Amino acid sequence: MNLTTKELSLLEDQLGYEQVLTKKYRAFASQCTDAQLKIKCNQIADKHQQHFNTLMGYLQ
């Protein structure tokens, strides 16, 4: 599949967003004292990491 320059640019932006969200939720999880909240933050971070991995798959 050949992506246009615009599509590649949008994909690059989205990859960046997913990386930022993953890092933020990992940071939130590390600061949580509530176990349930920590688990939820890690679950959300995992989901954004999955999104990142899926998007990267389009580039391979």
PDB file of N, CA and C in Angstrom:
ATOM      1  N   MET A   1       0.849  -1.173   0.000  1.00  0.00           N
ATOM      2  CA  MET A   1       0.000   0.000   0.000  1.00  0.00           C
ATOM      3  C   MET A   1       0.899   1.241   0.000  1.00  0.00           C
ATOM      4  N   ASN A   2       0.659   2.121  -0.931  1.00  0.00           N
ATOM      5  CA  ASN A   2       1.401   3.373  -1.003  1.00  0.00           C
ATOM      6  C   ASN A   2       0.591   4.487  -0.355  1.00  0.00           C
ATOM      7  N   LEU A   3       1.215   5.170   0.590  1.00  0.00           N
ATOM      8  CA  LEU A   3       0.550   6.267   1.285  1.00  0.00           C
ATOM      9  C   LEU A   3       0.997   7.587   0.679  1.00  0.00           C
ATOM     10  N   THR A   4       0.073   8.533   0.642  1.00  0.00           N
ATOM     11  CA  THR A   4       0.414   9.865   0.149  1.00  0.00           C
ATOM     12  C   THR A   4       1.244  10.600   1.197  1.00  0.00           C
ATOM     13  N   THR A   5       1.833  11.688   0.792  1.00  0.00           N
ATOM     14  CA  THR A   5       2.614  12.514   1.715  1.00  0.00           C
ATOM     15  C   THR A   5       1.741  13.002   2.860  1.00  0.00           C
ATOM     16  N   LYS A   6       0.528  13.392   2.538  1.00  0.00           N
ATOM     17  CA  LYS A   6      -0.418  13.865   3.568  1.00  0.00           C
ATOM     18  C   LYS A   6      -0.737  12.740   4.550  1.00  0.00           C
ATOM     19  N   GLU A   7      -0.995  11.538   4.046  1.00  0.00           N
ATOM     20  CA  GLU A   7      -1.307  10.401   4.909  1.00  0.00           C
ATOM     21  C   GLU A   7      -0.112  10.055   5.799  1.00  0.00           C
ATOM     22  N   LEU A   8       1.075  10.098   5.244  1.00  0.00           N
ATOM     23  CA  LEU A   8       2.276   9.824   6.039  1.00  0.00           C
ATOM     24  C   LEU A   8       2.458  10.869   7.140  1.00  0.00           C
ATOM     25  N   SER A   9       2.180  12.111   6.817  1.00  0.00           N
ATOM     26  CA  SER A   9       2.291  13.186   7.801  1.00  0.00           C
ATOM     27  C   SER A   9       1.282  12.989   8.935  1.00  0.00           C
ATOM     28  N   LEU A  10       0.055  12.649   8.575  1.00  0.00           N
ATOM     29  CA  LEU A  10      -0.977  12.409   9.586  1.00  0.00           C
ATOM     30  C   LEU A  10      -0.642  11.190  10.443  1.00  0.00           C
ATOM     31  N   LEU A  11      -0.108  10.176   9.812  1.00  0.00           N
ATOM     32  CA  LEU A  11       0.291   8.970  10.531  1.00  0.00           C
ATOM     33  C   LEU A  11       1.418   9.280  11.509  1.00  0.00           C
ATOM     34  N   GLU A  12       2.366  10.080  11.074  1.00  0.00           N
ATOM     35  CA  GLU A  12       3.468  10.494  11.947  1.00  0.00           C
ATOM     36  C   GLU A  12       2.948  11.278  13.150  1.00  0.00           C
ATOM     37  N   ASP A  13       2.017  12.196  12.906  1.00  0.00           N
ATOM     38  CA  ASP A  13       1.411  12.961  13.998  1.00  0.00           C
ATOM     39  C   ASP A  13       0.717  12.034  14.993  1.00  0.00           C
ATOM     40  N   GLN A  14      -0.068  11.101  14.466  1.00  0.00           N
ATOM     41  CA  GLN A  14      -0.821  10.201  15.343  1.00  0.00           C
ATOM     42  C   GLN A  14       0.119   9.306  16.147  1.00  0.00           C
ATOM     43  N   LEU A  15       1.206   8.856  15.530  1.00  0.00           N
ATOM     44  CA  LEU A  15       2.194   8.060  16.258  1.00  0.00           C
ATOM     45  C   LEU A  15       2.750   8.852  17.437  1.00  0.00           C
ATOM     46  N   GLY A  16       3.017  10.124  17.196  1.00  0.00           N
ATOM     47  CA  GLY A  16       3.515  10.989  18.265  1.00  0.00           C
ATOM     48  C   GLY A  16       2.504  11.133  19.389  1.00  0.00           C
ATOM     49  N   TYR A  17       1.238  11.308  19.034  1.00  0.00           N
ATOM     50  CA  TYR A  17       0.181  11.436  20.049  1.00  0.00           C
ATOM     51  C   TYR A  17       0.086  10.174  20.893  1.00  0.00           C
ATOM     52  N   GLU A  18       0.145   9.027  20.228  1.00  0.00           N
ATOM     53  CA  GLU A  18       0.042   7.759  20.956  1.00  0.00           C
ATOM     54  C   GLU A  18       1.236   7.563  21.895  1.00  0.00           C
ATOM     55  N   GLN A  19       2.419   7.964  21.456  1.00  0.00           N
ATOM     56  CA  GLN A  19       3.605   7.866  22.323  1.00  0.00           C
ATOM     57  C   GLN A  19       3.459   8.745  23.551  1.00  0.00           C
ATOM     58  N   VAL A  20       2.996   9.969  23.338  1.00  0.00           N
ATOM     59  CA  VAL A  20       2.821  10.906  24.456  1.00  0.00           C
ATOM     60  C   VAL A  20       1.795  10.363  25.453  1.00  0.00           C
ATOM     61  N   LEU A  21       0.678   9.866  24.947  1.00  0.00           N
ATOM     62  CA  LEU A  21      -0.358   9.337  25.833  1.00  0.00           C
ATOM     63  C   LEU A  21       0.139   8.126  26.610  1.00  0.00           C
ATOM     64  N   THR A  22       0.883   7.252  25.951  1.00  0.00           N
ATOM     65  CA  THR A  22       1.431   6.086  26.647  1.00  0.00           C
ATOM     66  C   THR A  22       2.343   6.536  27.781  1.00  0.00           C
ATOM     67  N   LYS A  23       3.231   7.473  27.501  1.00  0.00           N
ATOM     68  CA  LYS A  23       4.170   7.960  28.526  1.00  0.00           C
ATOM     69  C   LYS A  23       3.437   8.655  29.673  1.00  0.00           C
ATOM     70  N   LYS A  24       2.429   9.455  29.343  1.00  0.00           N
ATOM     71  CA  LYS A  24       1.691  10.170  30.382  1.00  0.00           C
ATOM     72  C   LYS A  24       0.957   9.207  31.314  1.00  0.00           C
ATOM     73  N   TYR A  25       0.275   8.216  30.733  1.00  0.00           N
ATOM     74  CA  TYR A  25      -0.462   7.279  31.577  1.00  0.00           C
ATOM     75  C   TYR A  25       0.469   6.388  32.383  1.00  0.00           C
ATOM     76  N   ARG A  26       1.660   6.064  31.864  1.00  0.00           N
ATOM     77  CA  ARG A  26       2.648   5.323  32.657  1.00  0.00           C
ATOM     78  C   ARG A  26       3.120   6.194  33.828  1.00  0.00           C
ATOM     79  N   ALA A  27       3.336   7.480  33.554  1.00  0.00           N
ATOM     80  CA  ALA A  27       3.744   8.397  34.616  1.00  0.00           C
ATOM     81  C   ALA A  27       2.641   8.531  35.668  1.00  0.00           C
ATOM     82  N   PHE A  28       1.391   8.663  35.214  1.00  0.00           N
ATOM     83  CA  PHE A  28       0.268   8.745  36.153  1.00  0.00           C
ATOM     84  C   PHE A  28       0.224   7.490  37.014  1.00  0.00           C
ATOM     85  N   ALA A  29       0.378   6.328  36.381  1.00  0.00           N
ATOM     86  CA  ALA A  29       0.324   5.058  37.108  1.00  0.00           C
ATOM     87  C   ALA A  29       1.419   4.987  38.164  1.00  0.00           C
ATOM     88  N   SER A  30       2.596   5.477  37.834  1.00  0.00           N
ATOM     89  CA  SER A  30       3.713   5.411  38.780  1.00  0.00           C
ATOM     90  C   SER A  30       3.489   6.312  39.997  1.00  0.00           C
ATOM     91  N   GLN A  31       2.627   7.307  39.845  1.00  0.00           N
ATOM     92  CA  GLN A  31       2.361   8.235  40.944  1.00  0.00           C
ATOM     93  C   GLN A  31       1.122   7.856  41.758  1.00  0.00           C
ATOM     94  N   CYS A  32       0.360   6.914  41.265  1.00  0.00           N
ATOM     95  CA  CYS A  32      -0.885   6.523  41.943  1.00  0.00           C
ATOM     96  C   CYS A  32      -0.589   5.737  43.222  1.00  0.00           C
ATOM     97  N   THR A  33      -1.342   6.063  44.249  1.00  0.00           N
ATOM     98  CA  THR A  33      -1.279   5.283  45.482  1.00  0.00           C
ATOM     99  C   THR A  33      -2.455   4.319  45.565  1.00  0.00           C
ATOM    100  N   ASP A  34      -3.504   4.602  44.812  1.00  0.00           N
ATOM    101  CA  ASP A  34      -4.673   3.732  44.760  1.00  0.00           C
ATOM    102  C   ASP A  34      -4.411   2.615  43.750  1.00  0.00           C
ATOM    103  N   ALA A  35      -4.501   1.372  44.194  1.00  0.00           N
ATOM    104  CA  ALA A  35      -4.170   0.222  43.348  1.00  0.00           C
ATOM    105  C   ALA A  35      -5.072   0.121  42.124  1.00  0.00           C
ATOM    106  N   GLN A  36      -6.350   0.361  42.298  1.00  0.00           N
ATOM    107  CA  GLN A  36      -7.286   0.258  41.172  1.00  0.00           C
ATOM    108  C   GLN A  36      -7.016   1.331  40.124  1.00  0.00           C
ATOM    109  N   LEU A  37      -6.720   2.525  40.589  1.00  0.00           N
ATOM    110  CA  LEU A  37      -6.413   3.618  39.671  1.00  0.00           C
ATOM    111  C   LEU A  37      -5.107   3.350  38.924  1.00  0.00           C
ATOM    112  N   LYS A  38      -4.132   2.792  39.618  1.00  0.00           N
ATOM    113  CA  LYS A  38      -2.856   2.430  39.011  1.00  0.00           C
ATOM    114  C   LYS A  38      -3.073   1.402  37.906  1.00  0.00           C
ATOM    115  N   ILE A  39      -3.893   0.395  38.179  1.00  0.00           N
ATOM    116  CA  ILE A  39      -4.203  -0.642  37.190  1.00  0.00           C
ATOM    117  C   ILE A  39      -4.889  -0.019  35.975  1.00  0.00           C
ATOM    118  N   LYS A  40      -5.852   0.857  36.209  1.00  0.00           N
ATOM    119  CA  LYS A  40      -6.590   1.495  35.122  1.00  0.00           C
ATOM    120  C   LYS A  40      -5.660   2.344  34.254  1.00  0.00           C
ATOM    121  N   CYS A  41      -4.777   3.095  34.876  1.00  0.00           N
ATOM    122  CA  CYS A  41      -3.825   3.913  34.113  1.00  0.00           C
ATOM    123  C   CYS A  41      -2.916   3.035  33.261  1.00  0.00           C
ATOM    124  N   ASN A  42      -2.471   1.928  33.807  1.00  0.00           N
ATOM    125  CA  ASN A  42      -1.630   1.011  33.042  1.00  0.00           C
ATOM    126  C   ASN A  42      -2.405   0.361  31.902  1.00  0.00           C
ATOM    127  N   GLN A  43      -3.674   0.069  32.121  1.00  0.00           N
ATOM    128  CA  GLN A  43      -4.508  -0.495  31.054  1.00  0.00           C
ATOM    129  C   GLN A  43      -4.669   0.506  29.906  1.00  0.00           C
ATOM    130  N   ILE A  44      -4.890   1.752  30.264  1.00  0.00           N
ATOM    131  CA  ILE A  44      -5.031   2.798  29.247  1.00  0.00           C
ATOM    132  C   ILE A  44      -3.710   2.972  28.496  1.00  0.00           C
ATOM    133  N   ALA A  45      -2.599   2.963  29.211  1.00  0.00           N
ATOM    134  CA  ALA A  45      -1.288   3.067  28.574  1.00  0.00           C
ATOM    135  C   ALA A  45      -1.068   1.894  27.617  1.00  0.00           C
ATOM    136  N   ASP A  46      -1.456   0.699  28.039  1.00  0.00           N
ATOM    137  CA  ASP A  46      -1.322  -0.484  27.180  1.00  0.00           C
ATOM    138  C   ASP A  46      -2.141  -0.325  25.897  1.00  0.00           C
ATOM    139  N   LYS A  47      -3.334   0.234  26.016  1.00  0.00           N
ATOM    140  CA  LYS A  47      -4.198   0.425  24.858  1.00  0.00           C
ATOM    141  C   LYS A  47      -3.559   1.410  23.869  1.00  0.00           C
ATOM    142  N   HIS A  48      -2.986   2.484  24.381  1.00  0.00           N
ATOM    143  CA  HIS A  48      -2.325   3.446  23.496  1.00  0.00           C
ATOM    144  C   HIS A  48      -1.072   2.843  22.871  1.00  0.00           C
ATOM    145  N   GLN A  49      -0.393   1.972  23.591  1.00  0.00           N
ATOM    146  CA  GLN A  49       0.765   1.280  23.018  1.00  0.00           C
ATOM    147  C   GLN A  49       0.311   0.358  21.888  1.00  0.00           C
ATOM    148  N   GLN A  50      -0.838  -0.286  22.065  1.00  0.00           N
ATOM    149  CA  GLN A  50      -1.396  -1.132  20.992  1.00  0.00           C
ATOM    150  C   GLN A  50      -1.735  -0.291  19.763  1.00  0.00           C
ATOM    151  N   HIS A  51      -2.310   0.889  19.997  1.00  0.00           N
ATOM    152  CA  HIS A  51      -2.622   1.790  18.880  1.00  0.00           C
ATOM    153  C   HIS A  51      -1.336   2.156  18.141  1.00  0.00           C
ATOM    154  N   PHE A  52      -0.291   2.495  18.901  1.00  0.00           N
ATOM    155  CA  PHE A  52       1.002   2.848  18.312  1.00  0.00           C
ATOM    156  C   PHE A  52       1.525   1.689  17.465  1.00  0.00           C
ATOM    157  N   ASN A  53       1.491   0.481  18.018  1.00  0.00           N
ATOM    158  CA  ASN A  53       1.994  -0.688  17.302  1.00  0.00           C
ATOM    159  C   ASN A  53       1.194  -0.952  16.024  1.00  0.00           C
ATOM    160  N   THR A  54      -0.108  -0.770  16.098  1.00  0.00           N
ATOM    161  CA  THR A  54      -0.957  -0.956  14.913  1.00  0.00           C
ATOM    162  C   THR A  54      -0.589   0.052  13.828  1.00  0.00           C
ATOM    163  N   LEU A  55      -0.445   1.303  14.225  1.00  0.00           N
ATOM    164  CA  LEU A  55      -0.070   2.336  13.260  1.00  0.00           C
ATOM    165  C   LEU A  55       1.290   2.065  12.643  1.00  0.00           C
ATOM    166  N   MET A  56       2.229   1.613  13.451  1.00  0.00           N
ATOM    167  CA  MET A  56       3.567   1.278  12.942  1.00  0.00           C
ATOM    168  C   MET A  56       3.476   0.155  11.911  1.00  0.00           C
ATOM    169  N   GLY A  57       2.531  -0.735  12.108  1.00  0.00           N
ATOM    170  CA  GLY A  57       2.329  -1.829  11.159  1.00  0.00           C
ATOM    171  C   GLY A  57       2.006  -1.338   9.762  1.00  0.00           C
ATOM    172  N   TYR A  58       1.351  -0.176   9.671  1.00  0.00           N
ATOM    173  CA  TYR A  58       1.021   0.384   8.368  1.00  0.00           C
ATOM    174  C   TYR A  58       2.256   0.869   7.623  1.00  0.00           C
ATOM    175  N   LEU A  59       3.331   1.115   8.351  1.00  0.00           N
ATOM    176  CA  LEU A  59       4.565   1.615   7.737  1.00  0.00           C
ATOM    177  C   LEU A  59       5.494   0.495   7.297  1.00  0.00           C
ATOM    178  N   GLN A  60       5.183  -0.713   7.692  1.00  0.00           N
ATOM    179  CA  GLN A  60       6.058  -1.841   7.356  1.00  0.00           C
ATOM    180  C   GLN A  60       5.600  -2.580   6.129  1.00  0.00           C
TER     181      GLN A  60
END
